[in-house]
Structures are given as C-alpha cells and as structure tokens.
Amino acid sequence: MSGIFTTNSGIIVACDVPLNKLRRLVDQTQEVQGIVGYKIGRMHEIDGSVSEAIQTVRNSTDKPIIWDTQKEGNDVEFTEPGFIRAYA
C-alpha cells in the first residue's frame, strides 16, 4: 500500500476537542489496536490553535495527522456551539 497509512483500513481519531484536552485524547488512544491516525479540523483553525494541535499530536505519536476542513460543526453535535460562537 502506498501513501501515509501502513494498512488498508483503520480508525482515524477526530481531534475535535479543545486544545487542553487533546494530549489526553491522543495519549489514551495512540496504542489502541486499529487506530491509524488523527484528524485536525476547523475547530483548531478557527481558534488559531492549528500549529499547537499538530505539535500536541506529534509529541505523543508518529501516526499520520490528517488536515480535514470539509465539515464545520455538523459531523459531531458537541462542536456546533463553538462554531456558532466563532461566527457570531
């Protein structure tokens, strides 16, 4: 298989949590069988913490990091209030 992943299937963890909870999320999931990478999205772009989020993930794991800005707050309901506040 070519590309950034070493398997044909797996789970990508959505890092749609505040920066102060991100390290714990990665630390608690990095060794779970089937986890192949982590997704950083719009939440961190809007609050200006993209670089910090990437560094936080990278400090805990060498698994791939995906940058995903396809959705804004509609993929998991708990992120909606943050997007609403950001655009209000």
PDB file of N, CA and C in Angstrom:
ATOM      1  N   MET A   1       0.834  -1.175   0.000  1.00  0.00           N
ATOM      2  CA  MET A   1       0.000   0.000   0.000  1.00  0.00           C
ATOM      3  C   MET A   1       0.885   1.247   0.000  1.00  0.00           C
ATOM      4  N   SER A   2       0.546   2.201  -0.822  1.00  0.00           N
ATOM      5  CA  SER A   2       1.305   3.444  -0.833  1.00  0.00           C
ATOM      6  C   SER A   2       0.538   4.530  -0.105  1.00  0.00           C
ATOM      7  N   GLY A   3       1.210   5.617   0.210  1.00  0.00           N
ATOM      8  CA  GLY A   3       0.565   6.706   0.925  1.00  0.00           C
ATOM      9  C   GLY A   3       1.056   6.792   2.354  1.00  0.00           C
ATOM     10  N   ILE A   4       0.290   7.482   3.177  1.00  0.00           N
ATOM     11  CA  ILE A   4       0.735   7.728   4.546  1.00  0.00           C
ATOM     12  C   ILE A   4       0.345   6.637   5.523  1.00  0.00           C
ATOM     13  N   PHE A   5      -0.559   5.746   5.121  1.00  0.00           N
ATOM     14  CA  PHE A   5      -1.010   4.689   6.022  1.00  0.00           C
ATOM     15  C   PHE A   5      -0.326   3.375   5.701  1.00  0.00           C
ATOM     16  N   THR A   6      -0.149   2.558   6.728  1.00  0.00           N
ATOM     17  CA  THR A   6       0.525   1.272   6.540  1.00  0.00           C
ATOM     18  C   THR A   6      -0.466   0.117   6.427  1.00  0.00           C
ATOM     19  N   THR A   7      -1.760   0.400   6.576  1.00  0.00           N
ATOM     20  CA  THR A   7      -2.783  -0.634   6.454  1.00  0.00           C
ATOM     21  C   THR A   7      -3.871  -0.150   5.504  1.00  0.00           C
ATOM     22  N   ASN A   8      -4.717  -1.070   5.069  1.00  0.00           N
ATOM     23  CA  ASN A   8      -5.812  -0.724   4.161  1.00  0.00           C
ATOM     24  C   ASN A   8      -7.046  -0.203   4.877  1.00  0.00           C
ATOM     25  N   SER A   9      -7.106  -0.382   6.189  1.00  0.00           N
ATOM     26  CA  SER A   9      -8.263   0.105   6.930  1.00  0.00           C
ATOM     27  C   SER A   9      -7.851   0.424   8.356  1.00  0.00           C
ATOM     28  N   GLY A  10      -8.675   1.207   9.010  1.00  0.00           N
ATOM     29  CA  GLY A  10      -8.400   1.567  10.386  1.00  0.00           C
ATOM     30  C   GLY A  10      -9.245   2.750  10.806  1.00  0.00           C
ATOM     31  N   ILE A  11      -9.018   3.202  12.000  1.00  0.00           N
ATOM     32  CA  ILE A  11      -9.788   4.291  12.589  1.00  0.00           C
ATOM     33  C   ILE A  11      -8.917   5.538  12.663  1.00  0.00           C
ATOM     34  N   ILE A  12      -9.484   6.658  12.213  1.00  0.00           N
ATOM     35  CA  ILE A  12      -8.828   7.961  12.355  1.00  0.00           C
ATOM     36  C   ILE A  12      -9.575   8.698  13.453  1.00  0.00           C
ATOM     37  N   VAL A  13      -8.876   9.081  14.491  1.00  0.00           N
ATOM     38  CA  VAL A  13      -9.475   9.758  15.634  1.00  0.00           C
ATOM     39  C   VAL A  13      -9.687  11.229  15.293  1.00  0.00           C
ATOM     40  N   ALA A  14     -10.916  11.707  15.457  1.00  0.00           N
ATOM     41  CA  ALA A  14     -11.223  13.122  15.250  1.00  0.00           C
ATOM     42  C   ALA A  14     -10.793  13.903  16.486  1.00  0.00           C
ATOM     43  N   CYS A  15      -9.886  14.837  16.293  1.00  0.00           N
ATOM     44  CA  CYS A  15      -9.352  15.635  17.406  1.00  0.00           C
ATOM     45  C   CYS A  15     -10.190  16.895  17.622  1.00  0.00           C
ATOM     46  N   ASP A  16     -11.498  16.741  17.572  1.00  0.00           N
ATOM     47  CA  ASP A  16     -12.427  17.858  17.737  1.00  0.00           C
ATOM     48  C   ASP A  16     -12.697  18.116  19.209  1.00  0.00           C
ATOM     49  N   VAL A  17     -11.627  18.347  19.934  1.00  0.00           N
ATOM     50  CA  VAL A  17     -11.703  18.656  21.361  1.00  0.00           C
ATOM     51  C   VAL A  17     -10.866  19.906  21.607  1.00  0.00           C
ATOM     52  N   PRO A  18     -11.140  20.627  22.671  1.00  0.00           N
ATOM     53  CA  PRO A  18     -10.309  21.788  22.984  1.00  0.00           C
ATOM     54  C   PRO A  18      -8.846  21.373  23.159  1.00  0.00           C
ATOM     55  N   LEU A  19      -7.963  22.295  22.861  1.00  0.00           N
ATOM     56  CA  LEU A  19      -6.523  22.032  22.928  1.00  0.00           C
ATOM     57  C   LEU A  19      -6.102  21.479  24.286  1.00  0.00           C
ATOM     58  N   ASN A  20      -6.716  21.957  25.356  1.00  0.00           N
ATOM     59  CA  ASN A  20      -6.319  21.492  26.691  1.00  0.00           C
ATOM     60  C   ASN A  20      -6.727  20.040  26.963  1.00  0.00           C
ATOM     61  N   LYS A  21      -7.524  19.432  26.099  1.00  0.00           N
ATOM     62  CA  LYS A  21      -7.913  18.024  26.253  1.00  0.00           C
ATOM     63  C   LYS A  21      -7.291  17.133  25.177  1.00  0.00           C
ATOM     64  N   LEU A  22      -6.626  17.743  24.224  1.00  0.00           N
ATOM     65  CA  LEU A  22      -6.116  16.990  23.080  1.00  0.00           C
ATOM     66  C   LEU A  22      -5.023  15.997  23.456  1.00  0.00           C
ATOM     67  N   ARG A  23      -4.074  16.412  24.257  1.00  0.00           N
ATOM     68  CA  ARG A  23      -2.980  15.490  24.626  1.00  0.00           C
ATOM     69  C   ARG A  23      -3.537  14.240  25.309  1.00  0.00           C
ATOM     70  N   ARG A  24      -4.496  14.422  26.189  1.00  0.00           N
ATOM     71  CA  ARG A  24      -5.094  13.268  26.878  1.00  0.00           C
ATOM     72  C   ARG A  24      -5.776  12.342  25.870  1.00  0.00           C
ATOM     73  N   LEU A  25      -6.497  12.918  24.906  1.00  0.00           N
ATOM     74  CA  LEU A  25      -7.159  12.117  23.876  1.00  0.00           C
ATOM     75  C   LEU A  25      -6.140  11.261  23.127  1.00  0.00           C
ATOM     76  N   VAL A  26      -5.066  11.883  22.684  1.00  0.00           N
ATOM     77  CA  VAL A  26      -4.053  11.150  21.920  1.00  0.00           C
ATOM     78  C   VAL A  26      -3.352  10.120  22.801  1.00  0.00           C
ATOM     79  N   ASP A  27      -2.973  10.520  24.001  1.00  0.00           N
ATOM     80  CA  ASP A  27      -2.287   9.588  24.900  1.00  0.00           C
ATOM     81  C   ASP A  27      -3.129   8.356  25.202  1.00  0.00           C
ATOM     82  N   GLN A  28      -4.445   8.544  25.308  1.00  0.00           N
ATOM     83  CA  GLN A  28      -5.318   7.414  25.655  1.00  0.00           C
ATOM     84  C   GLN A  28      -5.711   6.563  24.454  1.00  0.00           C
ATOM     85  N   THR A  29      -5.437   7.029  23.235  1.00  0.00           N
ATOM     86  CA  THR A  29      -5.858   6.268  22.055  1.00  0.00           C
ATOM     87  C   THR A  29      -4.710   5.785  21.181  1.00  0.00           C
ATOM     88  N   GLN A  30      -3.521   6.324  21.356  1.00  0.00           N
ATOM     89  CA  GLN A  30      -2.434   6.031  20.419  1.00  0.00           C
ATOM     90  C   GLN A  30      -2.053   4.558  20.329  1.00  0.00           C
ATOM     91  N   GLU A  31      -2.252   3.798  21.384  1.00  0.00           N
ATOM     92  CA  GLU A  31      -1.878   2.386  21.352  1.00  0.00           C
ATOM     93  C   GLU A  31      -3.071   1.446  21.176  1.00  0.00           C
ATOM     94  N   VAL A  32      -4.251   2.012  20.957  1.00  0.00           N
ATOM     95  CA  VAL A  32      -5.437   1.199  20.728  1.00  0.00           C
ATOM     96  C   VAL A  32      -5.313   0.535  19.360  1.00  0.00           C
ATOM     97  N   GLN A  33      -5.510  -0.771  19.330  1.00  0.00           N
ATOM     98  CA  GLN A  33      -5.413  -1.506  18.076  1.00  0.00           C
ATOM     99  C   GLN A  33      -6.446  -0.975  17.094  1.00  0.00           C
ATOM    100  N   GLY A  34      -6.027  -0.686  15.883  1.00  0.00           N
ATOM    101  CA  GLY A  34      -6.922  -0.196  14.840  1.00  0.00           C
ATOM    102  C   GLY A  34      -6.843   1.306  14.614  1.00  0.00           C
ATOM    103  N   ILE A  35      -6.285   2.049  15.562  1.00  0.00           N
ATOM    104  CA  ILE A  35      -6.115   3.489  15.383  1.00  0.00           C
ATOM    105  C   ILE A  35      -4.947   3.703  14.423  1.00  0.00           C
ATOM    106  N   VAL A  36      -5.201   4.377  13.299  1.00  0.00           N
ATOM    107  CA  VAL A  36      -4.151   4.558  12.293  1.00  0.00           C
ATOM    108  C   VAL A  36      -3.731   6.017  12.114  1.00  0.00           C
ATOM    109  N   GLY A  37      -4.482   6.959  12.691  1.00  0.00           N
ATOM    110  CA  GLY A  37      -4.125   8.359  12.526  1.00  0.00           C
ATOM    111  C   GLY A  37      -5.050   9.274  13.292  1.00  0.00           C
ATOM    112  N   TYR A  38      -4.800  10.568  13.136  1.00  0.00           N
ATOM    113  CA  TYR A  38      -5.549  11.603  13.859  1.00  0.00           C
ATOM    114  C   TYR A  38      -5.948  12.704  12.890  1.00  0.00           C
ATOM    115  N   LYS A  39      -7.153  13.261  13.086  1.00  0.00           N
ATOM    116  CA  LYS A  39      -7.673  14.314  12.220  1.00  0.00           C
ATOM    117  C   LYS A  39      -7.738  15.631  12.974  1.00  0.00           C
ATOM    118  N   ILE A  40      -7.108  16.649  12.410  1.00  0.00           N
ATOM    119  CA  ILE A  40      -7.214  18.024  12.910  1.00  0.00           C
ATOM    120  C   ILE A  40      -8.137  18.753  11.954  1.00  0.00           C
ATOM    121  N   GLY A  41      -9.098  19.500  12.484  1.00  0.00           N
ATOM    122  CA  GLY A  41     -10.067  20.155  11.610  1.00  0.00           C
ATOM    123  C   GLY A  41     -10.286  21.621  11.896  1.00  0.00           C
ATOM    124  N   ARG A  42     -11.429  22.098  11.470  1.00  0.00           N
ATOM    125  CA  ARG A  42     -11.760  23.522  11.516  1.00  0.00           C
ATOM    126  C   ARG A  42     -11.781  24.095  12.927  1.00  0.00           C
ATOM    127  N   MET A  43     -12.137  23.307  13.923  1.00  0.00           N
ATOM    128  CA  MET A  43     -12.202  23.843  15.285  1.00  0.00           C
ATOM    129  C   MET A  43     -10.880  24.504  15.660  1.00  0.00           C
ATOM    130  N   HIS A  44      -9.790  23.853  15.351  1.00  0.00           N
ATOM    131  CA  HIS A  44      -8.478  24.400  15.708  1.00  0.00           C
ATOM    132  C   HIS A  44      -8.055  25.520  14.766  1.00  0.00           C
ATOM    133  N   GLU A  45      -8.559  25.498  13.557  1.00  0.00           N
ATOM    134  CA  GLU A  45      -8.263  26.602  12.640  1.00  0.00           C
ATOM    135  C   GLU A  45      -8.953  27.882  13.118  1.00  0.00           C
ATOM    136  N   ILE A  46     -10.207  27.764  13.493  1.00  0.00           N
ATOM    137  CA  ILE A  46     -10.978  28.933  13.910  1.00  0.00           C
ATOM    138  C   ILE A  46     -10.410  29.570  15.166  1.00  0.00           C
ATOM    139  N   ASP A  47      -9.986  28.760  16.133  1.00  0.00           N
ATOM    140  CA  ASP A  47      -9.474  29.358  17.369  1.00  0.00           C
ATOM    141  C   ASP A  47      -7.964  29.645  17.310  1.00  0.00           C
ATOM    142  N   GLY A  48      -7.361  29.417  16.143  1.00  0.00           N
ATOM    143  CA  GLY A  48      -5.959  29.766  15.958  1.00  0.00           C
ATOM    144  C   GLY A  48      -4.966  28.801  16.560  1.00  0.00           C
ATOM    145  N   SER A  49      -5.399  27.578  16.834  1.00  0.00           N
ATOM    146  CA  SER A  49      -4.509  26.632  17.513  1.00  0.00           C
ATOM    147  C   SER A  49      -4.056  25.463  16.638  1.00  0.00           C
ATOM    148  N   VAL A  50      -4.097  25.632  15.328  1.00  0.00           N
ATOM    149  CA  VAL A  50      -3.716  24.534  14.430  1.00  0.00           C
ATOM    150  C   VAL A  50      -2.293  24.061  14.705  1.00  0.00           C
ATOM    151  N   SER A  51      -1.342  24.971  14.727  1.00  0.00           N
ATOM    152  CA  SER A  51       0.059  24.582  14.950  1.00  0.00           C
ATOM    153  C   SER A  51       0.235  23.893  16.287  1.00  0.00           C
ATOM    154  N   GLU A  52      -0.420  24.425  17.312  1.00  0.00           N
ATOM    155  CA  GLU A  52      -0.313  23.808  18.641  1.00  0.00           C
ATOM    156  C   GLU A  52      -0.966  22.424  18.653  1.00  0.00           C
ATOM    157  N   ALA A  53      -2.084  22.279  17.954  1.00  0.00           N
ATOM    158  CA  ALA A  53      -2.768  20.986  17.902  1.00  0.00           C
ATOM    159  C   ALA A  53      -1.894  19.948  17.197  1.00  0.00           C
ATOM    160  N   ILE A  54      -1.308  20.334  16.076  1.00  0.00           N
ATOM    161  CA  ILE A  54      -0.424  19.416  15.349  1.00  0.00           C
ATOM    162  C   ILE A  54       0.763  19.028  16.223  1.00  0.00           C
ATOM    163  N   GLN A  55       1.366  19.994  16.882  1.00  0.00           N
ATOM    164  CA  GLN A  55       2.521  19.707  17.736  1.00  0.00           C
ATOM    165  C   GLN A  55       2.135  18.813  18.914  1.00  0.00           C
ATOM    166  N   THR A  56       0.958  19.041  19.471  1.00  0.00           N
ATOM    167  CA  THR A  56       0.476  18.215  20.587  1.00  0.00           C
ATOM    168  C   THR A  56       0.339  16.760  20.154  1.00  0.00           C
ATOM    169  N   VAL A  57      -0.272  16.543  18.991  1.00  0.00           N
ATOM    170  CA  VAL A  57      -0.419  15.171  18.484  1.00  0.00           C
ATOM    171  C   VAL A  57       0.961  14.591  18.189  1.00  0.00           C
ATOM    172  N   ARG A  58       1.790  15.356  17.500  1.00  0.00           N
ATOM    173  CA  ARG A  58       3.107  14.859  17.107  1.00  0.00           C
ATOM    174  C   ARG A  58       3.991  14.535  18.310  1.00  0.00           C
ATOM    175  N   ASN A  59       3.830  15.254  19.408  1.00  0.00           N
ATOM    176  CA  ASN A  59       4.623  14.976  20.609  1.00  0.00           C
ATOM    177  C   ASN A  59       4.248  13.644  21.253  1.00  0.00           C
ATOM    178  N   SER A  60       3.057  13.133  20.938  1.00  0.00           N
ATOM    179  CA  SER A  60       2.589  11.888  21.553  1.00  0.00           C
ATOM    180  C   SER A  60       2.635  10.684  20.631  1.00  0.00           C
ATOM    181  N   THR A  61       2.656  10.904  19.319  1.00  0.00           N
ATOM    182  CA  THR A  61       2.606   9.768  18.396  1.00  0.00           C
ATOM    183  C   THR A  61       3.236  10.141  17.061  1.00  0.00           C
ATOM    184  N   ASP A  62       3.677   9.122  16.335  1.00  0.00           N
ATOM    185  CA  ASP A  62       4.188   9.361  14.989  1.00  0.00           C
ATOM    186  C   ASP A  62       3.180   8.908  13.930  1.00  0.00           C
ATOM    187  N   LYS A  63       1.957   8.587  14.367  1.00  0.00           N
ATOM    188  CA  LYS A  63       0.913   8.207  13.409  1.00  0.00           C
ATOM    189  C   LYS A  63       0.540   9.421  12.561  1.00  0.00           C
ATOM    190  N   PRO A  64       0.048   9.183  11.356  1.00  0.00           N
ATOM    191  CA  PRO A  64      -0.288  10.287  10.454  1.00  0.00           C
ATOM    192  C   PRO A  64      -1.325  11.250  11.040  1.00  0.00           C
ATOM    193  N   ILE A  65      -1.187  12.507  10.648  1.00  0.00           N
ATOM    194  CA  ILE A  65      -2.148  13.550  11.010  1.00  0.00           C
ATOM    195  C   ILE A  65      -2.811  14.011   9.723  1.00  0.00           C
ATOM    196  N   ILE A  66      -4.124  14.002   9.724  1.00  0.00           N
ATOM    197  CA  ILE A  66      -4.914  14.424   8.572  1.00  0.00           C
ATOM    198  C   ILE A  66      -5.470  15.817   8.838  1.00  0.00           C
ATOM    199  N   TRP A  67      -5.383  16.700   7.860  1.00  0.00           N
ATOM    200  CA  TRP A  67      -5.983  18.036   7.951  1.00  0.00           C
ATOM    201  C   TRP A  67      -7.313  17.958   7.204  1.00  0.00           C
ATOM    202  N   ASP A  68      -8.426  18.159   7.907  1.00  0.00           N
ATOM    203  CA  ASP A  68      -9.755  17.997   7.317  1.00  0.00           C
ATOM    204  C   ASP A  68     -10.607  19.218   7.614  1.00  0.00           C
ATOM    205  N   THR A  69     -10.972  19.929   6.563  1.00  0.00           N
ATOM    206  CA  THR A  69     -11.840  21.101   6.740  1.00  0.00           C
ATOM    207  C   THR A  69     -13.122  20.961   5.925  1.00  0.00           C
ATOM    208  N   GLN A  70     -13.541  19.729   5.667  1.00  0.00           N
ATOM    209  CA  GLN A  70     -14.735  19.517   4.853  1.00  0.00           C
ATOM    210  C   GLN A  70     -16.025  19.845   5.588  1.00  0.00           C
ATOM    211  N   LYS A  71     -16.019  19.689   6.883  1.00  0.00           N
ATOM    212  CA  LYS A  71     -17.245  19.905   7.655  1.00  0.00           C
ATOM    213  C   LYS A  71     -16.981  20.978   8.696  1.00  0.00           C
ATOM    214  N   GLU A  72     -18.035  21.682   9.031  1.00  0.00           N
ATOM    215  CA  GLU A  72     -17.925  22.695  10.076  1.00  0.00           C
ATOM    216  C   GLU A  72     -19.017  22.486  11.094  1.00  0.00           C
ATOM    217  N   GLY A  73     -18.724  21.694  12.101  1.00  0.00           N
ATOM    218  CA  GLY A  73     -19.643  21.565  13.219  1.00  0.00           C
ATOM    219  C   GLY A  73     -20.832  20.664  13.003  1.00  0.00           C
ATOM    220  N   ASN A  74     -20.927  20.030  11.840  1.00  0.00           N
ATOM    221  CA  ASN A  74     -22.098  19.178  11.628  1.00  0.00           C
ATOM    222  C   ASN A  74     -21.780  17.691  11.664  1.00  0.00           C
ATOM    223  N   ASP A  75     -20.520  17.339  11.918  1.00  0.00           N
ATOM    224  CA  ASP A  75     -20.189  15.918  11.962  1.00  0.00           C
ATOM    225  C   ASP A  75     -20.361  15.338  13.365  1.00  0.00           C
ATOM    226  N   VAL A  76     -20.098  16.130  14.392  1.00  0.00           N
ATOM    227  CA  VAL A  76     -20.376  15.714  15.764  1.00  0.00           C
ATOM    228  C   VAL A  76     -21.048  16.882  16.477  1.00  0.00           C
ATOM    229  N   GLU A  77     -22.170  16.611  17.093  1.00  0.00           N
ATOM    230  CA  GLU A  77     -23.014  17.696  17.594  1.00  0.00           C
ATOM    231  C   GLU A  77     -22.391  18.567  18.669  1.00  0.00           C
ATOM    232  N   PHE A  78     -21.473  18.047  19.473  1.00  0.00           N
ATOM    233  CA  PHE A  78     -20.934  18.865  20.552  1.00  0.00           C
ATOM    234  C   PHE A  78     -20.028  19.987  20.045  1.00  0.00           C
ATOM    235  N   THR A  79     -19.642  19.970  18.763  1.00  0.00           N
ATOM    236  CA  THR A  79     -18.805  21.048  18.244  1.00  0.00           C
ATOM    237  C   THR A  79     -19.621  22.234  17.735  1.00  0.00           C
ATOM    238  N   GLU A  80     -20.914  22.062  17.521  1.00  0.00           N
ATOM    239  CA  GLU A  80     -21.740  23.124  16.955  1.00  0.00           C
ATOM    240  C   GLU A  80     -21.694  24.427  17.745  1.00  0.00           C
ATOM    241  N   PRO A  81     -21.839  24.416  19.081  1.00  0.00           N
ATOM    242  CA  PRO A  81     -21.820  25.689  19.808  1.00  0.00           C
ATOM    243  C   PRO A  81     -20.525  26.486  19.593  1.00  0.00           C
ATOM    244  N   GLY A  82     -19.400  25.814  19.509  1.00  0.00           N
ATOM    245  CA  GLY A  82     -18.135  26.506  19.280  1.00  0.00           C
ATOM    246  C   GLY A  82     -18.099  27.211  17.931  1.00  0.00           C
ATOM    247  N   PHE A  83     -18.639  26.561  16.904  1.00  0.00           N
ATOM    248  CA  PHE A  83     -18.676  27.186  15.587  1.00  0.00           C
ATOM    249  C   PHE A  83     -19.657  28.363  15.578  1.00  0.00           C
ATOM    250  N   ILE A  84     -20.776  28.196  16.240  1.00  0.00           N
ATOM    251  CA  ILE A  84     -21.762  29.281  16.297  1.00  0.00           C
ATOM    252  C   ILE A  84     -21.155  30.503  16.975  1.00  0.00           C
ATOM    253  N   ARG A  85     -20.463  30.297  18.103  1.00  0.00           N
ATOM    254  CA  ARG A  85     -19.817  31.417  18.794  1.00  0.00           C
ATOM    255  C   ARG A  85     -18.746  32.069  17.928  1.00  0.00           C
ATOM    256  N   ALA A  86     -17.991  31.271  17.209  1.00  0.00           N
ATOM    257  CA  ALA A  86     -16.906  31.802  16.397  1.00  0.00           C
ATOM    258  C   ALA A  86     -17.428  32.705  15.287  1.00  0.00           C
ATOM    259  N   TYR A  87     -18.582  32.388  14.762  1.00  0.00           N
ATOM    260  CA  TYR A  87     -19.127  33.164  13.637  1.00  0.00           C
ATOM    261  C   TYR A  87     -20.135  34.218  14.048  1.00  0.00           C
ATOM    262  N   ALA A  88     -20.465  34.265  15.327  1.00  0.00           N
ATOM    263  CA  ALA A  88     -21.479  35.242  15.786  1.00  0.00           C
ATOM    264  C   ALA A  88     -20.888  36.629  15.865  1.00  0.00           C
TER     265      ALA A  88
END
